[in-house]
Full PDB file with SEQRES, HELIX, SHEET, SSBOND, CRYST1, ORIGX, SCALE, CONECT and MASTER records, all heavy atoms in Angstrom:
SEQRES   1 A   34  GLU ARG ILE ARG SER TYR PRO ALA ASP ALA LEU LEU PRO          
SEQRES   2 A   34  GLY HIS MET LEU PRO VAL LEU GLY ARG GLU ARG ILE SER          
SEQRES   3 A   34  GLU VAL LEU GLY ASN TYR GLN GLU                              
HELIX    1 AA1 ILE A    3  SER A    5  5                                   3    
HELIX    2 AA2 ARG A   22  GLN A   33  1                                  12    
SHEET    1 AA1 2 ALA A  10  LEU A  11  0                                        
SHEET    2 AA1 2 VAL A  19  LEU A  20 -1                                        
CRYST1    1.000    1.000    1.000  90.00  90.00  90.00 P 1           1          
ORIGX1      1.000000  0.000000  0.000000        0.00000                         
ORIGX2      0.000000  1.000000  0.000000        0.00000                         
ORIGX3      0.000000  0.000000  1.000000        0.00000                         
SCALE1      1.000000  0.000000  0.000000        0.00000                         
SCALE2      0.000000  1.000000  0.000000        0.00000                         
SCALE3      0.000000  0.000000  1.000000        0.00000                         
ATOM      1  N   GLU A   1      33.599 -17.959 -23.354  1.00  0.00           N  
ATOM      2  CA  GLU A   1      32.968 -16.629 -23.100  1.00  0.00           C  
ATOM      3  C   GLU A   1      31.705 -16.471 -23.930  1.00  0.00           C  
ATOM      4  O   GLU A   1      30.625 -16.055 -23.399  1.00  0.00           O  
ATOM      5  CB  GLU A   1      33.897 -15.505 -23.321  1.00  0.00           C  
ATOM      6  CG  GLU A   1      33.311 -14.070 -23.014  1.00  0.00           C  
ATOM      7  CD  GLU A   1      33.139 -13.817 -21.541  1.00  0.00           C  
ATOM      8  OE1 GLU A   1      33.855 -14.428 -20.746  1.00  0.00           O  
ATOM      9  OE2 GLU A   1      32.225 -13.032 -21.214  1.00  0.00           O  
ATOM     10  N   ARG A   2      31.770 -16.818 -25.149  1.00  0.00           N  
ATOM     11  CA  ARG A   2      30.615 -16.685 -26.040  1.00  0.00           C  
ATOM     12  C   ARG A   2      29.493 -17.675 -25.632  1.00  0.00           C  
ATOM     13  O   ARG A   2      28.281 -17.326 -25.629  1.00  0.00           O  
ATOM     14  CB  ARG A   2      30.983 -16.904 -27.508  1.00  0.00           C  
ATOM     15  CG  ARG A   2      29.956 -16.449 -28.496  1.00  0.00           C  
ATOM     16  CD  ARG A   2      30.580 -16.315 -29.900  1.00  0.00           C  
ATOM     17  NE  ARG A   2      29.572 -15.800 -30.837  1.00  0.00           N  
ATOM     18  CZ  ARG A   2      29.706 -15.608 -32.145  1.00  0.00           C  
ATOM     19  NH1 ARG A   2      30.936 -15.901 -32.649  1.00  0.00           N  
ATOM     20  NH2 ARG A   2      28.818 -15.111 -32.876  1.00  0.00           N  
ATOM     21  N   ILE A   3      29.904 -18.899 -25.318  1.00  0.00           N  
ATOM     22  CA  ILE A   3      28.877 -19.875 -24.850  1.00  0.00           C  
ATOM     23  C   ILE A   3      28.195 -19.374 -23.610  1.00  0.00           C  
ATOM     24  O   ILE A   3      26.950 -19.561 -23.450  1.00  0.00           O  
ATOM     25  CB  ILE A   3      29.572 -21.241 -24.625  1.00  0.00           C  
ATOM     26  CG1 ILE A   3      30.061 -21.839 -25.929  1.00  0.00           C  
ATOM     27  CG2 ILE A   3      28.670 -22.198 -23.868  1.00  0.00           C  
ATOM     28  CD1 ILE A   3      30.927 -23.047 -25.805  1.00  0.00           C  
ATOM     29  N   ARG A   4      28.917 -18.786 -22.728  1.00  0.00           N  
ATOM     30  CA  ARG A   4      28.418 -18.278 -21.444  1.00  0.00           C  
ATOM     31  C   ARG A   4      27.388 -17.107 -21.632  1.00  0.00           C  
ATOM     32  O   ARG A   4      26.563 -16.880 -20.773  1.00  0.00           O  
ATOM     33  CB  ARG A   4      29.459 -17.838 -20.486  1.00  0.00           C  
ATOM     34  CG  ARG A   4      30.335 -18.902 -19.917  1.00  0.00           C  
ATOM     35  CD  ARG A   4      31.435 -18.292 -19.050  1.00  0.00           C  
ATOM     36  NE  ARG A   4      30.883 -17.597 -17.908  1.00  0.00           N  
ATOM     37  CZ  ARG A   4      31.469 -16.673 -17.108  1.00  0.00           C  
ATOM     38  NH1 ARG A   4      32.787 -16.386 -17.484  1.00  0.00           N  
ATOM     39  NH2 ARG A   4      30.937 -16.092 -16.195  1.00  0.00           N  
ATOM     40  N   SER A   5      27.495 -16.468 -22.816  1.00  0.00           N  
ATOM     41  CA  SER A   5      26.624 -15.278 -22.982  1.00  0.00           C  
ATOM     42  C   SER A   5      25.200 -15.603 -23.256  1.00  0.00           C  
ATOM     43  O   SER A   5      24.338 -14.732 -23.295  1.00  0.00           O  
ATOM     44  CB  SER A   5      27.234 -14.459 -24.089  1.00  0.00           C  
ATOM     45  OG  SER A   5      27.066 -15.144 -25.436  1.00  0.00           O  
ATOM     46  N   TYR A   6      24.917 -16.923 -23.590  1.00  0.00           N  
ATOM     47  CA  TYR A   6      23.506 -17.331 -23.915  1.00  0.00           C  
ATOM     48  C   TYR A   6      22.757 -17.736 -22.653  1.00  0.00           C  
ATOM     49  O   TYR A   6      23.405 -18.374 -21.710  1.00  0.00           O  
ATOM     50  CB  TYR A   6      23.542 -18.449 -24.882  1.00  0.00           C  
ATOM     51  CG  TYR A   6      23.992 -18.128 -26.242  1.00  0.00           C  
ATOM     52  CD1 TYR A   6      25.330 -17.903 -26.534  1.00  0.00           C  
ATOM     53  CD2 TYR A   6      23.077 -17.935 -27.244  1.00  0.00           C  
ATOM     54  CE1 TYR A   6      25.765 -17.559 -27.817  1.00  0.00           C  
ATOM     55  CE2 TYR A   6      23.473 -17.614 -28.570  1.00  0.00           C  
ATOM     56  CZ  TYR A   6      24.834 -17.441 -28.804  1.00  0.00           C  
ATOM     57  OH  TYR A   6      25.212 -17.090 -30.114  1.00  0.00           O  
ATOM     58  N   PRO A   7      21.512 -17.351 -22.463  1.00  0.00           N  
ATOM     59  CA  PRO A   7      20.791 -17.729 -21.309  1.00  0.00           C  
ATOM     60  C   PRO A   7      20.244 -19.148 -21.222  1.00  0.00           C  
ATOM     61  O   PRO A   7      19.060 -19.391 -21.272  1.00  0.00           O  
ATOM     62  CB  PRO A   7      19.595 -16.680 -21.314  1.00  0.00           C  
ATOM     63  CG  PRO A   7      19.384 -16.519 -22.790  1.00  0.00           C  
ATOM     64  CD  PRO A   7      20.683 -16.579 -23.490  1.00  0.00           C  
ATOM     65  N   ALA A   8      21.162 -20.063 -21.117  1.00  0.00           N  
ATOM     66  CA  ALA A   8      20.824 -21.477 -21.240  1.00  0.00           C  
ATOM     67  C   ALA A   8      20.207 -22.007 -19.949  1.00  0.00           C  
ATOM     68  O   ALA A   8      20.800 -21.716 -18.878  1.00  0.00           O  
ATOM     69  CB  ALA A   8      22.037 -22.275 -21.677  1.00  0.00           C  
ATOM     70  N   ASP A   9      19.180 -22.812 -20.052  1.00  0.00           N  
ATOM     71  CA  ASP A   9      18.693 -23.563 -18.912  1.00  0.00           C  
ATOM     72  C   ASP A   9      19.248 -24.997 -18.859  1.00  0.00           C  
ATOM     73  O   ASP A   9      19.195 -25.691 -17.901  1.00  0.00           O  
ATOM     74  CB  ASP A   9      17.167 -23.679 -18.981  1.00  0.00           C  
ATOM     75  CG  ASP A   9      16.528 -22.297 -18.816  1.00  0.00           C  
ATOM     76  OD1 ASP A   9      17.056 -21.474 -18.020  1.00  0.00           O  
ATOM     77  OD2 ASP A   9      15.475 -22.067 -19.350  1.00  0.00           O  
ATOM     78  N   ALA A  10      19.872 -25.451 -19.953  1.00  0.00           N  
ATOM     79  CA  ALA A  10      20.500 -26.724 -20.016  1.00  0.00           C  
ATOM     80  C   ALA A  10      21.805 -26.646 -20.869  1.00  0.00           C  
ATOM     81  O   ALA A  10      21.722 -26.087 -21.946  1.00  0.00           O  
ATOM     82  CB  ALA A  10      19.543 -27.758 -20.590  1.00  0.00           C  
ATOM     83  N   LEU A  11      22.845 -27.208 -20.350  1.00  0.00           N  
ATOM     84  CA  LEU A  11      24.103 -27.280 -21.132  1.00  0.00           C  
ATOM     85  C   LEU A  11      24.351 -28.749 -21.453  1.00  0.00           C  
ATOM     86  O   LEU A  11      24.560 -29.557 -20.566  1.00  0.00           O  
ATOM     87  CB  LEU A  11      25.248 -26.731 -20.291  1.00  0.00           C  
ATOM     88  CG  LEU A  11      26.688 -26.749 -20.875  1.00  0.00           C  
ATOM     89  CD1 LEU A  11      26.787 -25.674 -22.044  1.00  0.00           C  
ATOM     90  CD2 LEU A  11      27.750 -26.462 -19.843  1.00  0.00           C  
ATOM     91  N   LEU A  12      24.423 -29.064 -22.731  1.00  0.00           N  
ATOM     92  CA  LEU A  12      24.534 -30.444 -23.174  1.00  0.00           C  
ATOM     93  C   LEU A  12      25.898 -30.604 -23.864  1.00  0.00           C  
ATOM     94  O   LEU A  12      26.153 -30.124 -24.961  1.00  0.00           O  
ATOM     95  CB  LEU A  12      23.444 -30.788 -24.144  1.00  0.00           C  
ATOM     96  CG  LEU A  12      22.030 -30.526 -23.772  1.00  0.00           C  
ATOM     97  CD1 LEU A  12      21.063 -31.130 -24.766  1.00  0.00           C  
ATOM     98  CD2 LEU A  12      21.704 -31.018 -22.317  1.00  0.00           C  
ATOM     99  N   PRO A  13      26.849 -31.257 -23.206  1.00  0.00           N  
ATOM    100  CA  PRO A  13      28.224 -31.405 -23.721  1.00  0.00           C  
ATOM    101  C   PRO A  13      28.348 -32.612 -24.664  1.00  0.00           C  
ATOM    102  O   PRO A  13      27.409 -33.482 -24.653  1.00  0.00           O  
ATOM    103  CB  PRO A  13      29.064 -31.592 -22.486  1.00  0.00           C  
ATOM    104  CG  PRO A  13      28.138 -32.246 -21.439  1.00  0.00           C  
ATOM    105  CD  PRO A  13      26.802 -31.725 -21.770  1.00  0.00           C  
ATOM    106  N   GLY A  14      29.487 -32.680 -25.296  1.00  0.00           N  
ATOM    107  CA  GLY A  14      29.706 -33.836 -26.195  1.00  0.00           C  
ATOM    108  C   GLY A  14      30.094 -35.078 -25.456  1.00  0.00           C  
ATOM    109  O   GLY A  14      30.091 -36.148 -26.027  1.00  0.00           O  
ATOM    110  N   HIS A  15      30.433 -34.999 -24.193  1.00  0.00           N  
ATOM    111  CA  HIS A  15      30.812 -36.173 -23.295  1.00  0.00           C  
ATOM    112  C   HIS A  15      30.234 -35.884 -21.909  1.00  0.00           C  
ATOM    113  O   HIS A  15      30.168 -34.717 -21.491  1.00  0.00           O  
ATOM    114  CB  HIS A  15      32.295 -36.316 -23.232  1.00  0.00           C  
ATOM    115  CG  HIS A  15      32.975 -36.708 -24.520  1.00  0.00           C  
ATOM    116  ND1 HIS A  15      33.118 -37.993 -24.945  1.00  0.00           N  
ATOM    117  CD2 HIS A  15      33.488 -35.933 -25.464  1.00  0.00           C  
ATOM    118  CE1 HIS A  15      33.731 -38.024 -26.029  1.00  0.00           C  
ATOM    119  NE2 HIS A  15      34.000 -36.769 -26.484  1.00  0.00           N  
ATOM    120  N   MET A  16      29.886 -36.916 -21.280  1.00  0.00           N  
ATOM    121  CA  MET A  16      29.473 -36.888 -19.901  1.00  0.00           C  
ATOM    122  C   MET A  16      28.124 -36.218 -19.658  1.00  0.00           C  
ATOM    123  O   MET A  16      27.435 -35.946 -20.619  1.00  0.00           O  
ATOM    124  CB  MET A  16      30.603 -36.241 -19.016  1.00  0.00           C  
ATOM    125  CG  MET A  16      31.941 -36.974 -19.232  1.00  0.00           C  
ATOM    126  SD  MET A  16      33.366 -36.108 -18.486  1.00  0.00           S  
ATOM    127  CE  MET A  16      32.974 -35.981 -16.761  1.00  0.00           C  
ATOM    128  N   LEU A  17      27.733 -36.008 -18.440  1.00  0.00           N  
ATOM    129  CA  LEU A  17      26.405 -35.594 -18.082  1.00  0.00           C  
ATOM    130  C   LEU A  17      26.055 -34.134 -18.348  1.00  0.00           C  
ATOM    131  O   LEU A  17      26.988 -33.293 -18.321  1.00  0.00           O  
ATOM    132  CB  LEU A  17      26.063 -35.901 -16.610  1.00  0.00           C  
ATOM    133  CG  LEU A  17      25.968 -37.387 -16.231  1.00  0.00           C  
ATOM    134  CD1 LEU A  17      26.094 -37.616 -14.759  1.00  0.00           C  
ATOM    135  CD2 LEU A  17      24.651 -37.979 -16.758  1.00  0.00           C  
ATOM    136  N   PRO A  18      24.833 -33.809 -18.667  1.00  0.00           N  
ATOM    137  CA  PRO A  18      24.461 -32.455 -18.858  1.00  0.00           C  
ATOM    138  C   PRO A  18      24.548 -31.571 -17.573  1.00  0.00           C  
ATOM    139  O   PRO A  18      24.547 -32.151 -16.457  1.00  0.00           O  
ATOM    140  CB  PRO A  18      23.034 -32.433 -19.366  1.00  0.00           C  
ATOM    141  CG  PRO A  18      22.522 -33.764 -18.851  1.00  0.00           C  
ATOM    142  CD  PRO A  18      23.663 -34.708 -18.812  1.00  0.00           C  
ATOM    143  N   VAL A  19      24.576 -30.290 -17.720  1.00  0.00           N  
ATOM    144  CA  VAL A  19      24.584 -29.407 -16.580  1.00  0.00           C  
ATOM    145  C   VAL A  19      23.225 -28.673 -16.736  1.00  0.00           C  
ATOM    146  O   VAL A  19      22.879 -28.045 -17.709  1.00  0.00           O  
ATOM    147  CB  VAL A  19      25.725 -28.342 -16.579  1.00  0.00           C  
ATOM    148  CG1 VAL A  19      25.619 -27.469 -15.405  1.00  0.00           C  
ATOM    149  CG2 VAL A  19      27.050 -29.136 -16.641  1.00  0.00           C  
ATOM    150  N   LEU A  20      22.384 -28.644 -15.626  1.00  0.00           N  
ATOM    151  CA  LEU A  20      21.118 -28.159 -15.692  1.00  0.00           C  
ATOM    152  C   LEU A  20      20.878 -27.015 -14.760  1.00  0.00           C  
ATOM    153  O   LEU A  20      21.464 -27.004 -13.557  1.00  0.00           O  
ATOM    154  CB  LEU A  20      20.070 -29.282 -15.371  1.00  0.00           C  
ATOM    155  CG  LEU A  20      20.169 -30.515 -16.251  1.00  0.00           C  
ATOM    156  CD1 LEU A  20      19.196 -31.577 -15.791  1.00  0.00           C  
ATOM    157  CD2 LEU A  20      19.933 -30.180 -17.715  1.00  0.00           C  
ATOM    158  N   GLY A  21      20.142 -25.964 -15.155  1.00  0.00           N  
ATOM    159  CA  GLY A  21      19.835 -24.836 -14.324  1.00  0.00           C  
ATOM    160  C   GLY A  21      20.730 -23.657 -14.669  1.00  0.00           C  
ATOM    161  O   GLY A  21      21.952 -23.852 -14.744  1.00  0.00           O  
ATOM    162  N   ARG A  22      20.159 -22.473 -14.811  1.00  0.00           N  
ATOM    163  CA  ARG A  22      20.993 -21.346 -15.315  1.00  0.00           C  
ATOM    164  C   ARG A  22      22.041 -20.910 -14.393  1.00  0.00           C  
ATOM    165  O   ARG A  22      23.139 -20.645 -14.811  1.00  0.00           O  
ATOM    166  CB  ARG A  22      20.015 -20.136 -15.659  1.00  0.00           C  
ATOM    167  CG  ARG A  22      20.669 -19.080 -16.444  1.00  0.00           C  
ATOM    168  CD  ARG A  22      19.653 -17.978 -16.908  1.00  0.00           C  
ATOM    169  NE  ARG A  22      18.549 -18.545 -17.616  1.00  0.00           N  
ATOM    170  CZ  ARG A  22      17.532 -17.908 -18.087  1.00  0.00           C  
ATOM    171  NH1 ARG A  22      17.452 -16.590 -17.849  1.00  0.00           N  
ATOM    172  NH2 ARG A  22      16.588 -18.491 -18.738  1.00  0.00           N  
ATOM    173  N   GLU A  23      21.738 -20.892 -13.088  1.00  0.00           N  
ATOM    174  CA  GLU A  23      22.739 -20.509 -12.128  1.00  0.00           C  
ATOM    175  C   GLU A  23      23.941 -21.532 -12.037  1.00  0.00           C  
ATOM    176  O   GLU A  23      25.093 -21.053 -11.984  1.00  0.00           O  
ATOM    177  CB  GLU A  23      22.186 -20.355 -10.718  1.00  0.00           C  
ATOM    178  CG  GLU A  23      21.227 -19.168 -10.569  1.00  0.00           C  
ATOM    179  CD  GLU A  23      20.736 -18.916  -9.141  1.00  0.00           C  
ATOM    180  OE1 GLU A  23      21.261 -19.711  -8.226  1.00  0.00           O  
ATOM    181  OE2 GLU A  23      19.958 -18.052  -8.951  1.00  0.00           O  
ATOM    182  N   ARG A  24      23.574 -22.827 -12.119  1.00  0.00           N  
ATOM    183  CA  ARG A  24      24.627 -23.781 -12.134  1.00  0.00           C  
ATOM    184  C   ARG A  24      25.479 -23.755 -13.425  1.00  0.00           C  
ATOM    185  O   ARG A  24      26.722 -23.856 -13.287  1.00  0.00           O  
ATOM    186  CB  ARG A  24      23.979 -25.173 -12.002  1.00  0.00           C  
ATOM    187  CG  ARG A  24      24.972 -26.327 -11.991  1.00  0.00           C  
ATOM    188  CD  ARG A  24      25.948 -26.301 -10.809  1.00  0.00           C  
ATOM    189  NE  ARG A  24      26.764 -27.554 -10.723  1.00  0.00           N  
ATOM    190  CZ  ARG A  24      27.827 -27.604 -10.005  1.00  0.00           C  
ATOM    191  NH1 ARG A  24      28.171 -26.585  -9.223  1.00  0.00           N  
ATOM    192  NH2 ARG A  24      28.528 -28.707  -9.993  1.00  0.00           N  
ATOM    193  N   ILE A  25      24.867 -23.553 -14.522  1.00  0.00           N  
ATOM    194  CA  ILE A  25      25.653 -23.440 -15.744  1.00  0.00           C  
ATOM    195  C   ILE A  25      26.581 -22.197 -15.674  1.00  0.00           C  
ATOM    196  O   ILE A  25      27.746 -22.347 -16.036  1.00  0.00           O  
ATOM    197  CB  ILE A  25      24.676 -23.321 -16.966  1.00  0.00           C  
ATOM    198  CG1 ILE A  25      23.906 -24.604 -17.180  1.00  0.00           C  
ATOM    199  CG2 ILE A  25      25.383 -22.899 -18.207  1.00  0.00           C  
ATOM    200  CD1 ILE A  25      22.715 -24.487 -18.135  1.00  0.00           C  
ATOM    201  N   SER A  26      26.121 -21.131 -15.168  1.00  0.00           N  
ATOM    202  CA  SER A  26      26.904 -19.892 -15.136  1.00  0.00           C  
ATOM    203  C   SER A  26      28.087 -20.149 -14.181  1.00  0.00           C  
ATOM    204  O   SER A  26      29.261 -19.808 -14.508  1.00  0.00           O  
ATOM    205  CB  SER A  26      26.087 -18.779 -14.589  1.00  0.00           C  
ATOM    206  OG  SER A  26      26.851 -17.620 -14.388  1.00  0.00           O  
ATOM    207  N   GLU A  27      27.936 -20.871 -13.064  1.00  0.00           N  
ATOM    208  CA  GLU A  27      28.980 -21.144 -12.152  1.00  0.00           C  
ATOM    209  C   GLU A  27      29.950 -22.093 -12.752  1.00  0.00           C  
ATOM    210  O   GLU A  27      31.199 -21.872 -12.683  1.00  0.00           O  
ATOM    211  CB  GLU A  27      28.413 -21.831 -10.873  1.00  0.00           C  
ATOM    212  CG  GLU A  27      29.426 -22.214  -9.830  1.00  0.00           C  
ATOM    213  CD  GLU A  27      28.839 -23.060  -8.689  1.00  0.00           C  
ATOM    214  OE1 GLU A  27      27.578 -23.227  -8.669  1.00  0.00           O  
ATOM    215  OE2 GLU A  27      29.629 -23.560  -7.843  1.00  0.00           O  
ATOM    216  N   VAL A  28      29.484 -23.221 -13.333  1.00  0.00           N  
ATOM    217  CA  VAL A  28      30.424 -24.226 -13.934  1.00  0.00           C  
ATOM    218  C   VAL A  28      31.211 -23.697 -15.005  1.00  0.00           C  
ATOM    219  O   VAL A  28      32.489 -23.740 -15.080  1.00  0.00           O  
ATOM    220  CB  VAL A  28      29.627 -25.478 -14.323  1.00  0.00           C  
ATOM    221  CG1 VAL A  28      30.484 -26.388 -15.149  1.00  0.00           C  
ATOM    222  CG2 VAL A  28      29.036 -26.217 -13.135  1.00  0.00           C  
ATOM    223  N   LEU A  29      30.514 -23.053 -16.054  1.00  0.00           N  
ATOM    224  CA  LEU A  29      31.228 -22.514 -17.209  1.00  0.00           C  
ATOM    225  C   LEU A  29      32.172 -21.344 -16.774  1.00  0.00           C  
ATOM    226  O   LEU A  29      33.262 -21.274 -17.363  1.00  0.00           O  
ATOM    227  CB  LEU A  29      30.268 -22.086 -18.278  1.00  0.00           C  
ATOM    228  CG  LEU A  29      29.632 -23.108 -19.086  1.00  0.00           C  
ATOM    229  CD1 LEU A  29      28.712 -22.486 -20.194  1.00  0.00           C  
ATOM    230  CD2 LEU A  29      30.679 -24.010 -19.767  1.00  0.00           C  
ATOM    231  N   GLY A  30      31.759 -20.588 -15.819  1.00  0.00           N  
ATOM    232  CA  GLY A  30      32.600 -19.461 -15.373  1.00  0.00           C  
ATOM    233  C   GLY A  30      33.882 -19.992 -14.754  1.00  0.00           C  
ATOM    234  O   GLY A  30      34.961 -19.531 -15.113  1.00  0.00           O  
ATOM    235  N   ASN A  31      33.826 -20.981 -13.882  1.00  0.00           N  
ATOM    236  CA  ASN A  31      34.992 -21.518 -13.292  1.00  0.00           C  
ATOM    237  C   ASN A  31      35.895 -22.243 -14.331  1.00  0.00           C  
ATOM    238  O   ASN A  31      37.114 -22.162 -14.275  1.00  0.00           O  
ATOM    239  CB  ASN A  31      34.614 -22.518 -12.146  1.00  0.00           C  
ATOM    240  CG  ASN A  31      34.134 -21.791 -10.928  1.00  0.00           C  
ATOM    241  OD1 ASN A  31      34.573 -20.675 -10.608  1.00  0.00           O  
ATOM    242  ND2 ASN A  31      33.171 -22.452 -10.179  1.00  0.00           N  
ATOM    243  N   TYR A  32      35.217 -22.993 -15.218  1.00  0.00           N  
ATOM    244  CA  TYR A  32      35.969 -23.668 -16.275  1.00  0.00           C  
ATOM    245  C   TYR A  32      36.746 -22.717 -17.137  1.00  0.00           C  
ATOM    246  O   TYR A  32      37.945 -22.926 -17.376  1.00  0.00           O  
ATOM    247  CB  TYR A  32      34.909 -24.468 -17.046  1.00  0.00           C  
ATOM    248  CG  TYR A  32      35.455 -25.665 -17.867  1.00  0.00           C  
ATOM    249  CD1 TYR A  32      35.625 -26.869 -17.219  1.00  0.00           C  
ATOM    250  CD2 TYR A  32      35.690 -25.597 -19.192  1.00  0.00           C  
ATOM    251  CE1 TYR A  32      36.066 -28.001 -17.884  1.00  0.00           C  
ATOM    252  CE2 TYR A  32      36.161 -26.744 -19.930  1.00  0.00           C  
ATOM    253  CZ  TYR A  32      36.310 -27.945 -19.214  1.00  0.00           C  
ATOM    254  OH  TYR A  32      36.731 -28.999 -19.948  1.00  0.00           O  
ATOM    255  N   GLN A  33      36.099 -21.680 -17.596  1.00  0.00           N  
ATOM    256  CA  GLN A  33      36.764 -20.628 -18.405  1.00  0.00           C  
ATOM    257  C   GLN A  33      37.926 -19.963 -17.631  1.00  0.00           C  
ATOM    258  O   GLN A  33      38.996 -19.806 -18.150  1.00  0.00           O  
ATOM    259  CB  GLN A  33      35.741 -19.634 -18.872  1.00  0.00           C  
ATOM    260  CG  GLN A  33      36.382 -18.479 -19.707  1.00  0.00           C  
ATOM    261  CD  GLN A  33      35.446 -17.335 -19.843  1.00  0.00           C  
ATOM    262  OE1 GLN A  33      34.372 -17.252 -19.262  1.00  0.00           O  
ATOM    263  NE2 GLN A  33      35.765 -16.444 -20.790  1.00  0.00           N  
ATOM    264  N   GLU A  34      37.603 -19.515 -16.391  1.00  0.00           N  
ATOM    265  CA  GLU A  34      38.622 -18.792 -15.646  1.00  0.00           C  
ATOM    266  C   GLU A  34      39.822 -19.723 -15.280  1.00  0.00           C  
ATOM    267  O   GLU A  34      40.958 -19.186 -15.167  1.00  0.00           O  
ATOM    268  CB  GLU A  34      37.946 -18.176 -14.410  1.00  0.00           C  
ATOM    269  CG  GLU A  34      36.970 -17.044 -14.759  1.00  0.00           C  
ATOM    270  CD  GLU A  34      37.649 -16.045 -15.661  1.00  0.00           C  
ATOM    271  OE1 GLU A  34      38.749 -15.561 -15.329  1.00  0.00           O  
ATOM    272  OE2 GLU A  34      36.975 -15.612 -16.599  1.00  0.00           O  
TER     273      GLU A  34                                                      
MASTER        0    0    0    2    2    0    0    6  272    1    0    3          
END                                                                             
């Protein structure tokens, strides 16, 4: 939830490919968290 609160344009994880774009990050992290 805290990670999602930041207006990120790029999400860089410790493994696997980055997630790019604010809307896509919001969607992915939201579903992951929920």
